[in-house]
Amino acid sequence: MKKIFVFLLLSIVFVSCKSTSTVAGKSTSKSESKKENRSLVKNLIDTATDNIGVKYKAGGTTKSGFDCSGLVYTTFESENIKLPRSSFEQAKIGKVIPLNDAKKGDLIFFKTNKSRQINHVGLITEVNSDEIKFVHSSTSKGVIISSTKEPYYKNSFEQVNRVLE
């Protein structure tokens, strides 16, 4: 019963929250909007990478330890963007895009250890023609930057989501 109540409460909060805010009476051009988005993406990447070296902690959302979704959740929360807490739920947010359209600031999802559902998430920090780098919290090494060139992540890749416009 308690789990159902928490789920319903989280669902209500998620539905009622807006992920970005706008300033009333202020109109922005497309170039201003793109500049603001680049700044937001830079802030998100800086916040996440400032945690490199922090140990892994299941359920963790602080400098004393992060799990993968906790790192993403806390990073976006630092910019007042509300995301669900789990990687499985985070994978339902935004728009799924092709891997070759990925950009810095997008979320990258995996099904690791032969899982049937998404169970790992990272924040894309760099995109090259043949490689995507992402910051995440790994169970063995804590917060690190990894690459889609690594066989483990290449073989467990599931999708990329754009959560920022």
N, C-alpha and C. Protein backbone atom coordinates (compact mmCIF):
# COMPACT_ATOMS: atom_id res chain seq x y z
N MET A 1 0.82 -1.19 0.00
CA MET A 1 0.00 0.00 0.00
C MET A 1 0.87 1.25 0.00
N LYS A 2 1.93 1.23 0.80
CA LYS A 2 2.83 2.37 0.89
C LYS A 2 3.49 2.64 -0.47
N LYS A 3 3.89 1.57 -1.17
CA LYS A 3 4.51 1.72 -2.48
C LYS A 3 3.54 2.36 -3.47
N ILE A 4 2.29 1.95 -3.43
CA ILE A 4 1.28 2.52 -4.32
C ILE A 4 1.10 4.00 -4.02
N PHE A 5 1.03 4.35 -2.74
CA PHE A 5 0.87 5.75 -2.36
C PHE A 5 2.05 6.59 -2.86
N VAL A 6 3.27 6.09 -2.67
CA VAL A 6 4.47 6.82 -3.12
C VAL A 6 4.45 6.95 -4.64
N PHE A 7 4.09 5.88 -5.34
CA PHE A 7 4.02 5.93 -6.80
C PHE A 7 3.00 6.97 -7.25
N LEU A 8 1.82 6.96 -6.65
CA LEU A 8 0.79 7.94 -7.01
C LEU A 8 1.25 9.36 -6.71
N LEU A 9 1.88 9.55 -5.58
CA LEU A 9 2.37 10.87 -5.21
C LEU A 9 3.43 11.36 -6.20
N LEU A 10 4.36 10.47 -6.55
CA LEU A 10 5.38 10.85 -7.53
C LEU A 10 4.76 11.13 -8.89
N SER A 11 3.76 10.35 -9.26
CA SER A 11 3.08 10.58 -10.54
C SER A 11 2.41 11.95 -10.57
N ILE A 12 1.76 12.31 -9.49
CA ILE A 12 1.09 13.61 -9.41
C ILE A 12 2.11 14.74 -9.49
N VAL A 13 3.20 14.59 -8.74
CA VAL A 13 4.25 15.62 -8.75
C VAL A 13 4.82 15.75 -10.15
N PHE A 14 5.12 14.62 -10.78
CA PHE A 14 5.70 14.66 -12.12
C PHE A 14 4.76 15.33 -13.12
N VAL A 15 3.50 14.97 -13.10
CA VAL A 15 2.53 15.53 -14.05
C VAL A 15 2.33 17.01 -13.81
N SER A 16 2.40 17.44 -12.56
CA SER A 16 2.12 18.83 -12.24
C SER A 16 3.34 19.73 -12.39
N CYS A 17 4.54 19.17 -12.54
CA CYS A 17 5.75 19.97 -12.65
C CYS A 17 6.07 20.25 -14.11
N LYS A 18 6.57 21.44 -14.35
CA LYS A 18 7.03 21.80 -15.67
C LYS A 18 8.54 21.75 -15.63
N SER A 19 9.17 21.21 -16.65
CA SER A 19 10.61 21.00 -16.58
C SER A 19 11.42 22.26 -16.85
N THR A 20 10.85 23.25 -17.46
CA THR A 20 11.58 24.49 -17.67
C THR A 20 10.68 25.65 -17.32
N SER A 21 11.31 26.76 -16.98
CA SER A 21 10.52 27.93 -16.63
C SER A 21 10.73 29.02 -17.66
N THR A 22 9.74 29.89 -17.80
CA THR A 22 9.86 31.02 -18.70
C THR A 22 9.60 32.28 -17.89
N VAL A 23 10.17 33.35 -18.35
CA VAL A 23 9.97 34.62 -17.67
C VAL A 23 8.83 35.34 -18.35
N ALA A 24 7.81 35.73 -17.58
CA ALA A 24 6.64 36.41 -18.13
C ALA A 24 7.05 37.72 -18.76
N GLY A 25 6.51 37.98 -19.93
CA GLY A 25 6.74 39.25 -20.60
C GLY A 25 8.05 39.33 -21.35
N LYS A 26 8.85 38.30 -21.30
CA LYS A 26 10.13 38.32 -21.99
C LYS A 26 10.04 37.43 -23.23
N SER A 27 10.31 38.02 -24.37
CA SER A 27 10.32 37.21 -25.58
C SER A 27 11.78 36.99 -25.97
N THR A 28 12.06 35.80 -26.42
CA THR A 28 13.43 35.50 -26.82
C THR A 28 13.46 35.07 -28.27
N SER A 29 14.49 35.50 -28.96
CA SER A 29 14.66 35.09 -30.34
C SER A 29 15.20 33.67 -30.35
N LYS A 30 15.20 33.06 -31.54
CA LYS A 30 15.73 31.70 -31.64
C LYS A 30 17.21 31.67 -31.28
N SER A 31 17.97 32.70 -31.67
CA SER A 31 19.39 32.71 -31.35
C SER A 31 19.62 32.86 -29.86
N GLU A 32 18.79 33.68 -29.18
CA GLU A 32 18.90 33.81 -27.72
C GLU A 32 18.54 32.50 -27.05
N SER A 33 17.52 31.84 -27.56
CA SER A 33 17.09 30.57 -27.00
C SER A 33 18.18 29.51 -27.16
N LYS A 34 18.82 29.46 -28.32
CA LYS A 34 19.90 28.50 -28.54
C LYS A 34 21.08 28.79 -27.61
N LYS A 35 21.37 30.08 -27.41
CA LYS A 35 22.47 30.47 -26.52
C LYS A 35 22.16 30.04 -25.09
N GLU A 36 20.90 30.26 -24.66
CA GLU A 36 20.50 29.84 -23.32
C GLU A 36 20.59 28.32 -23.17
N ASN A 37 20.19 27.60 -24.23
CA ASN A 37 20.24 26.13 -24.19
C ASN A 37 21.69 25.65 -24.10
N ARG A 38 22.60 26.27 -24.87
CA ARG A 38 24.01 25.88 -24.81
C ARG A 38 24.56 26.12 -23.41
N SER A 39 24.16 27.23 -22.80
CA SER A 39 24.60 27.55 -21.45
C SER A 39 24.05 26.52 -20.45
N LEU A 40 22.79 26.16 -20.62
CA LEU A 40 22.16 25.16 -19.75
C LEU A 40 22.88 23.82 -19.88
N VAL A 41 23.12 23.39 -21.11
CA VAL A 41 23.81 22.11 -21.34
C VAL A 41 25.21 22.15 -20.72
N LYS A 42 25.93 23.25 -20.91
CA LYS A 42 27.26 23.40 -20.31
C LYS A 42 27.18 23.28 -18.79
N ASN A 43 26.20 23.96 -18.18
CA ASN A 43 26.04 23.89 -16.72
C ASN A 43 25.75 22.46 -16.26
N LEU A 44 24.88 21.75 -16.99
CA LEU A 44 24.56 20.37 -16.63
C LEU A 44 25.79 19.48 -16.71
N ILE A 45 26.54 19.60 -17.79
CA ILE A 45 27.75 18.78 -17.96
C ILE A 45 28.78 19.14 -16.89
N ASP A 46 28.95 20.43 -16.62
CA ASP A 46 29.90 20.85 -15.58
C ASP A 46 29.49 20.29 -14.22
N THR A 47 28.20 20.35 -13.91
CA THR A 47 27.72 19.85 -12.62
C THR A 47 27.97 18.34 -12.50
N ALA A 48 27.63 17.61 -13.55
CA ALA A 48 27.82 16.15 -13.50
C ALA A 48 29.30 15.78 -13.43
N THR A 49 30.13 16.43 -14.25
CA THR A 49 31.56 16.06 -14.27
C THR A 49 32.30 16.54 -13.03
N ASP A 50 31.75 17.52 -12.31
CA ASP A 50 32.34 17.92 -11.03
C ASP A 50 32.29 16.78 -10.02
N ASN A 51 31.48 15.77 -10.31
CA ASN A 51 31.35 14.62 -9.40
C ASN A 51 32.23 13.43 -9.80
N ILE A 52 33.06 13.60 -10.82
CA ILE A 52 33.94 12.51 -11.22
C ILE A 52 34.80 12.11 -10.03
N GLY A 53 34.84 10.82 -9.78
CA GLY A 53 35.60 10.29 -8.65
C GLY A 53 34.74 9.98 -7.43
N VAL A 54 33.50 10.51 -7.41
CA VAL A 54 32.60 10.18 -6.29
C VAL A 54 32.23 8.71 -6.40
N LYS A 55 32.22 8.00 -5.29
CA LYS A 55 31.96 6.56 -5.31
C LYS A 55 30.51 6.25 -5.67
N TYR A 56 30.29 5.02 -6.10
CA TYR A 56 28.95 4.52 -6.36
C TYR A 56 28.25 4.20 -5.05
N LYS A 57 26.99 4.57 -4.97
CA LYS A 57 26.17 4.19 -3.81
C LYS A 57 24.75 3.95 -4.31
N ALA A 58 24.25 2.75 -4.12
CA ALA A 58 22.88 2.43 -4.54
C ALA A 58 21.91 3.40 -3.88
N GLY A 59 21.07 4.04 -4.67
CA GLY A 59 20.11 5.00 -4.15
C GLY A 59 20.71 6.35 -3.84
N GLY A 60 22.01 6.53 -4.14
CA GLY A 60 22.71 7.75 -3.77
C GLY A 60 22.41 8.94 -4.66
N THR A 61 22.29 10.10 -4.01
CA THR A 61 22.03 11.36 -4.73
C THR A 61 22.89 12.50 -4.18
N THR A 62 23.99 12.18 -3.52
CA THR A 62 24.85 13.20 -2.93
C THR A 62 26.32 12.88 -3.19
N LYS A 63 27.18 13.83 -2.81
CA LYS A 63 28.63 13.65 -2.98
C LYS A 63 29.17 12.48 -2.16
N SER A 64 28.36 11.95 -1.25
CA SER A 64 28.82 10.77 -0.51
C SER A 64 28.61 9.50 -1.34
N GLY A 65 27.96 9.63 -2.48
CA GLY A 65 27.78 8.50 -3.39
C GLY A 65 26.56 8.69 -4.28
N PHE A 66 26.70 8.29 -5.54
CA PHE A 66 25.62 8.37 -6.52
C PHE A 66 25.39 7.01 -7.15
N ASP A 67 24.13 6.72 -7.49
CA ASP A 67 23.88 5.68 -8.48
C ASP A 67 23.68 6.43 -9.80
N CYS A 68 23.53 5.72 -10.90
CA CYS A 68 23.49 6.37 -12.21
C CYS A 68 22.34 7.36 -12.34
N SER A 69 21.15 6.94 -11.96
CA SER A 69 19.99 7.82 -12.10
C SER A 69 20.00 8.93 -11.05
N GLY A 70 20.62 8.66 -9.91
CA GLY A 70 20.75 9.69 -8.89
C GLY A 70 21.64 10.83 -9.36
N LEU A 71 22.71 10.49 -10.08
CA LEU A 71 23.59 11.52 -10.65
C LEU A 71 22.83 12.38 -11.66
N VAL A 72 22.08 11.74 -12.55
CA VAL A 72 21.32 12.48 -13.57
C VAL A 72 20.21 13.30 -12.90
N TYR A 73 19.51 12.70 -11.97
CA TYR A 73 18.43 13.37 -11.25
C TYR A 73 18.95 14.64 -10.55
N THR A 74 20.03 14.49 -9.80
CA THR A 74 20.60 15.60 -9.04
C THR A 74 21.17 16.68 -9.96
N THR A 75 21.80 16.26 -11.05
CA THR A 75 22.36 17.20 -12.02
C THR A 75 21.27 18.08 -12.61
N PHE A 76 20.19 17.47 -13.06
CA PHE A 76 19.10 18.25 -13.65
C PHE A 76 18.38 19.08 -12.59
N GLU A 77 18.27 18.55 -11.40
CA GLU A 77 17.63 19.29 -10.30
C GLU A 77 18.40 20.58 -10.00
N SER A 78 19.72 20.57 -10.21
CA SER A 78 20.53 21.76 -9.96
C SER A 78 20.14 22.91 -10.88
N GLU A 79 19.48 22.61 -11.97
CA GLU A 79 18.99 23.62 -12.91
C GLU A 79 17.46 23.73 -12.85
N ASN A 80 16.88 23.25 -11.77
CA ASN A 80 15.42 23.29 -11.55
C ASN A 80 14.65 22.53 -12.62
N ILE A 81 15.23 21.46 -13.12
CA ILE A 81 14.56 20.59 -14.07
C ILE A 81 14.24 19.29 -13.33
N LYS A 82 12.98 18.97 -13.25
CA LYS A 82 12.54 17.79 -12.51
C LYS A 82 12.50 16.57 -13.43
N LEU A 83 13.19 15.53 -13.01
CA LEU A 83 13.18 14.25 -13.71
C LEU A 83 12.74 13.17 -12.73
N PRO A 84 12.22 12.06 -13.24
CA PRO A 84 11.94 10.93 -12.35
C PRO A 84 13.24 10.43 -11.73
N ARG A 85 13.14 9.67 -10.69
CA ARG A 85 14.31 9.23 -9.95
C ARG A 85 15.02 8.02 -10.56
N SER A 86 14.29 7.12 -11.22
CA SER A 86 14.92 5.89 -11.75
C SER A 86 15.26 6.03 -13.23
N SER A 87 16.27 5.29 -13.66
CA SER A 87 16.66 5.31 -15.08
C SER A 87 15.53 4.78 -15.96
N PHE A 88 14.82 3.78 -15.48
CA PHE A 88 13.69 3.23 -16.24
C PHE A 88 12.63 4.30 -16.50
N GLU A 89 12.32 5.10 -15.49
CA GLU A 89 11.33 6.18 -15.64
C GLU A 89 11.92 7.37 -16.41
N GLN A 90 13.19 7.66 -16.22
CA GLN A 90 13.83 8.75 -16.96
C GLN A 90 13.80 8.47 -18.46
N ALA A 91 13.86 7.20 -18.83
CA ALA A 91 13.86 6.81 -20.25
C ALA A 91 12.53 7.10 -20.93
N LYS A 92 11.51 7.43 -20.15
CA LYS A 92 10.20 7.74 -20.71
C LYS A 92 10.01 9.24 -20.93
N ILE A 93 11.00 10.04 -20.54
CA ILE A 93 10.90 11.49 -20.61
C ILE A 93 11.58 12.00 -21.88
N GLY A 94 11.01 13.04 -22.47
CA GLY A 94 11.60 13.63 -23.67
C GLY A 94 11.27 12.82 -24.91
N LYS A 95 12.10 12.98 -25.91
CA LYS A 95 11.89 12.34 -27.20
C LYS A 95 13.04 11.38 -27.50
N VAL A 96 12.71 10.15 -27.84
CA VAL A 96 13.73 9.19 -28.24
C VAL A 96 14.23 9.61 -29.62
N ILE A 97 15.55 9.70 -29.76
CA ILE A 97 16.15 10.12 -31.02
C ILE A 97 17.16 9.08 -31.49
N PRO A 98 17.48 9.09 -32.79
CA PRO A 98 18.49 8.15 -33.28
C PRO A 98 19.86 8.45 -32.67
N LEU A 99 20.65 7.44 -32.47
CA LEU A 99 21.98 7.59 -31.89
C LEU A 99 22.81 8.60 -32.66
N ASN A 100 22.70 8.60 -33.99
CA ASN A 100 23.52 9.51 -34.79
C ASN A 100 23.03 10.97 -34.74
N ASP A 101 21.91 11.23 -34.07
CA ASP A 101 21.43 12.61 -33.86
C ASP A 101 21.73 13.11 -32.45
N ALA A 102 22.41 12.30 -31.65
CA ALA A 102 22.68 12.66 -30.26
C ALA A 102 23.51 13.93 -30.17
N LYS A 103 23.24 14.70 -29.09
CA LYS A 103 23.97 15.94 -28.81
C LYS A 103 24.37 15.96 -27.34
N LYS A 104 25.30 16.84 -27.02
CA LYS A 104 25.65 17.08 -25.63
C LYS A 104 24.38 17.43 -24.87
N GLY A 105 24.24 16.89 -23.68
CA GLY A 105 23.07 17.18 -22.85
C GLY A 105 21.95 16.17 -22.99
N ASP A 106 22.00 15.32 -24.02
CA ASP A 106 21.00 14.26 -24.15
C ASP A 106 21.31 13.16 -23.13
N LEU A 107 20.31 12.35 -22.84
CA LEU A 107 20.50 11.21 -21.94
C LEU A 107 20.68 9.95 -22.78
N ILE A 108 21.56 9.09 -22.34
CA ILE A 108 21.82 7.83 -23.04
C ILE A 108 21.49 6.69 -22.09
N PHE A 109 20.76 5.70 -22.61
CA PHE A 109 20.24 4.62 -21.77
C PHE A 109 20.75 3.25 -22.23
N PHE A 110 20.86 2.36 -21.26
CA PHE A 110 21.39 1.03 -21.49
C PHE A 110 20.56 -0.02 -20.77
N LYS A 111 20.64 -1.24 -21.30
CA LYS A 111 20.14 -2.43 -20.62
C LYS A 111 21.38 -3.26 -20.33
N THR A 112 21.89 -3.14 -19.10
CA THR A 112 23.13 -3.82 -18.76
C THR A 112 22.86 -5.18 -18.12
N ASN A 113 23.88 -6.02 -18.14
CA ASN A 113 23.81 -7.35 -17.52
C ASN A 113 22.60 -8.16 -17.97
N LYS A 114 22.31 -8.08 -19.26
CA LYS A 114 21.21 -8.84 -19.88
C LYS A 114 19.84 -8.50 -19.30
N SER A 115 19.70 -7.30 -18.77
CA SER A 115 18.41 -6.86 -18.23
C SER A 115 17.39 -6.76 -19.36
N ARG A 116 16.14 -7.02 -19.05
CA ARG A 116 15.07 -6.89 -20.05
C ARG A 116 14.54 -5.47 -20.13
N GLN A 117 14.92 -4.64 -19.16
CA GLN A 117 14.45 -3.25 -19.19
C GLN A 117 15.63 -2.31 -18.94
N ILE A 118 15.46 -1.08 -19.32
CA ILE A 118 16.50 -0.07 -19.11
C ILE A 118 16.83 0.00 -17.62
N ASN A 119 18.14 -0.03 -17.34
CA ASN A 119 18.57 0.00 -15.94
C ASN A 119 19.83 0.86 -15.73
N HIS A 120 20.22 1.62 -16.75
CA HIS A 120 21.41 2.46 -16.61
C HIS A 120 21.27 3.70 -17.49
N VAL A 121 21.75 4.84 -16.98
CA VAL A 121 21.63 6.12 -17.69
C VAL A 121 22.91 6.92 -17.52
N GLY A 122 23.21 7.71 -18.53
CA GLY A 122 24.32 8.65 -18.48
C GLY A 122 23.93 9.95 -19.19
N LEU A 123 24.71 10.99 -18.97
CA LEU A 123 24.52 12.29 -19.61
C LEU A 123 25.61 12.47 -20.66
N ILE A 124 25.21 12.71 -21.89
CA ILE A 124 26.17 12.83 -22.99
C ILE A 124 26.98 14.12 -22.83
N THR A 125 28.33 13.95 -22.87
CA THR A 125 29.24 15.08 -22.69
C THR A 125 29.97 15.46 -23.97
N GLU A 126 30.04 14.52 -24.92
CA GLU A 126 30.80 14.76 -26.14
C GLU A 126 30.27 13.84 -27.24
N VAL A 127 30.19 14.39 -28.45
CA VAL A 127 29.74 13.60 -29.59
C VAL A 127 30.72 13.79 -30.73
N ASN A 128 31.28 12.68 -31.20
CA ASN A 128 32.15 12.67 -32.37
C ASN A 128 31.50 11.80 -33.42
N SER A 129 32.07 11.73 -34.59
CA SER A 129 31.44 11.00 -35.69
C SER A 129 31.26 9.51 -35.37
N ASP A 130 32.18 8.94 -34.60
CA ASP A 130 32.11 7.50 -34.34
C ASP A 130 32.05 7.13 -32.86
N GLU A 131 31.81 8.14 -32.01
CA GLU A 131 31.86 7.87 -30.58
C GLU A 131 31.04 8.89 -29.81
N ILE A 132 30.39 8.41 -28.75
CA ILE A 132 29.69 9.29 -27.82
C ILE A 132 30.28 9.05 -26.45
N LYS A 133 30.63 10.14 -25.77
CA LYS A 133 31.13 10.03 -24.40
C LYS A 133 30.05 10.52 -23.46
N PHE A 134 29.97 9.88 -22.31
CA PHE A 134 28.91 10.21 -21.34
C PHE A 134 29.43 10.06 -19.93
N VAL A 135 28.90 10.91 -19.05
CA VAL A 135 29.24 10.83 -17.63
C VAL A 135 28.14 10.02 -16.95
N HIS A 136 28.54 9.15 -16.04
CA HIS A 136 27.58 8.27 -15.36
C HIS A 136 28.23 7.73 -14.10
N SER A 137 27.47 7.07 -13.29
CA SER A 137 28.01 6.42 -12.10
C SER A 137 27.99 4.92 -12.32
N SER A 138 29.17 4.34 -12.39
CA SER A 138 29.28 2.89 -12.59
C SER A 138 29.42 2.21 -11.23
N THR A 139 28.90 1.02 -11.12
CA THR A 139 28.94 0.30 -9.84
C THR A 139 30.37 0.01 -9.42
N SER A 140 31.27 -0.18 -10.37
CA SER A 140 32.64 -0.55 -10.01
C SER A 140 33.59 0.64 -9.83
N LYS A 141 33.35 1.74 -10.56
CA LYS A 141 34.31 2.85 -10.53
C LYS A 141 33.71 4.17 -10.07
N GLY A 142 32.43 4.20 -9.74
CA GLY A 142 31.80 5.46 -9.35
C GLY A 142 31.58 6.37 -10.55
N VAL A 143 31.60 7.68 -10.33
CA VAL A 143 31.30 8.63 -11.40
C VAL A 143 32.52 8.76 -12.31
N ILE A 144 32.29 8.41 -13.58
CA ILE A 144 33.35 8.41 -14.59
C ILE A 144 32.76 8.84 -15.93
N ILE A 145 33.65 9.06 -16.89
CA ILE A 145 33.22 9.27 -18.28
C ILE A 145 33.55 8.00 -19.04
N SER A 146 32.57 7.51 -19.78
CA SER A 146 32.76 6.30 -20.59
C SER A 146 32.40 6.61 -22.04
N SER A 147 32.57 5.63 -22.90
CA SER A 147 32.39 5.79 -24.34
C SER A 147 31.55 4.66 -24.92
N THR A 148 30.80 5.00 -25.96
CA THR A 148 30.05 3.98 -26.68
C THR A 148 30.97 3.07 -27.48
N LYS A 149 32.26 3.41 -27.55
CA LYS A 149 33.22 2.52 -28.21
C LYS A 149 33.58 1.33 -27.32
N GLU A 150 33.38 1.47 -26.01
CA GLU A 150 33.68 0.38 -25.09
C GLU A 150 32.68 -0.75 -25.35
N PRO A 151 33.17 -1.97 -25.53
CA PRO A 151 32.27 -3.09 -25.86
C PRO A 151 31.09 -3.23 -24.90
N TYR A 152 31.32 -3.06 -23.61
CA TYR A 152 30.24 -3.23 -22.62
C TYR A 152 29.07 -2.30 -22.93
N TYR A 153 29.38 -1.03 -23.22
CA TYR A 153 28.32 -0.05 -23.48
C TYR A 153 27.80 -0.15 -24.92
N LYS A 154 28.68 -0.50 -25.84
CA LYS A 154 28.25 -0.70 -27.23
C LYS A 154 27.21 -1.82 -27.30
N ASN A 155 27.44 -2.90 -26.54
CA ASN A 155 26.55 -4.06 -26.58
C ASN A 155 25.29 -3.89 -25.76
N SER A 156 25.27 -2.95 -24.82
CA SER A 156 24.09 -2.78 -23.97
C SER A 156 23.30 -1.51 -24.27
N PHE A 157 23.73 -0.74 -25.29
CA PHE A 157 23.04 0.50 -25.65
C PHE A 157 21.58 0.23 -25.99
N GLU A 158 20.70 1.10 -25.52
CA GLU A 158 19.28 0.96 -25.82
C GLU A 158 18.71 2.17 -26.54
N GLN A 159 18.91 3.39 -26.01
CA GLN A 159 18.32 4.57 -26.67
C GLN A 159 18.95 5.85 -26.15
N VAL A 160 18.69 6.93 -26.93
CA VAL A 160 19.07 8.29 -26.53
C VAL A 160 17.78 9.10 -26.45
N ASN A 161 17.66 9.89 -25.38
CA ASN A 161 16.48 10.76 -25.22
C ASN A 161 16.92 12.20 -25.17
N ARG A 162 16.20 13.06 -25.89
CA ARG A 162 16.40 14.49 -25.79
C ARG A 162 15.37 15.03 -24.83
N VAL A 163 15.83 15.54 -23.69
CA VAL A 163 14.92 16.08 -22.69
C VAL A 163 14.92 17.61 -22.70
N LEU A 164 15.91 18.20 -23.37
CA LEU A 164 15.99 19.66 -23.52
C LEU A 164 15.72 20.00 -24.98
N GLU A 165 14.95 21.04 -25.20
CA GLU A 165 14.66 21.45 -26.60
C GLU A 165 15.75 22.30 -27.16
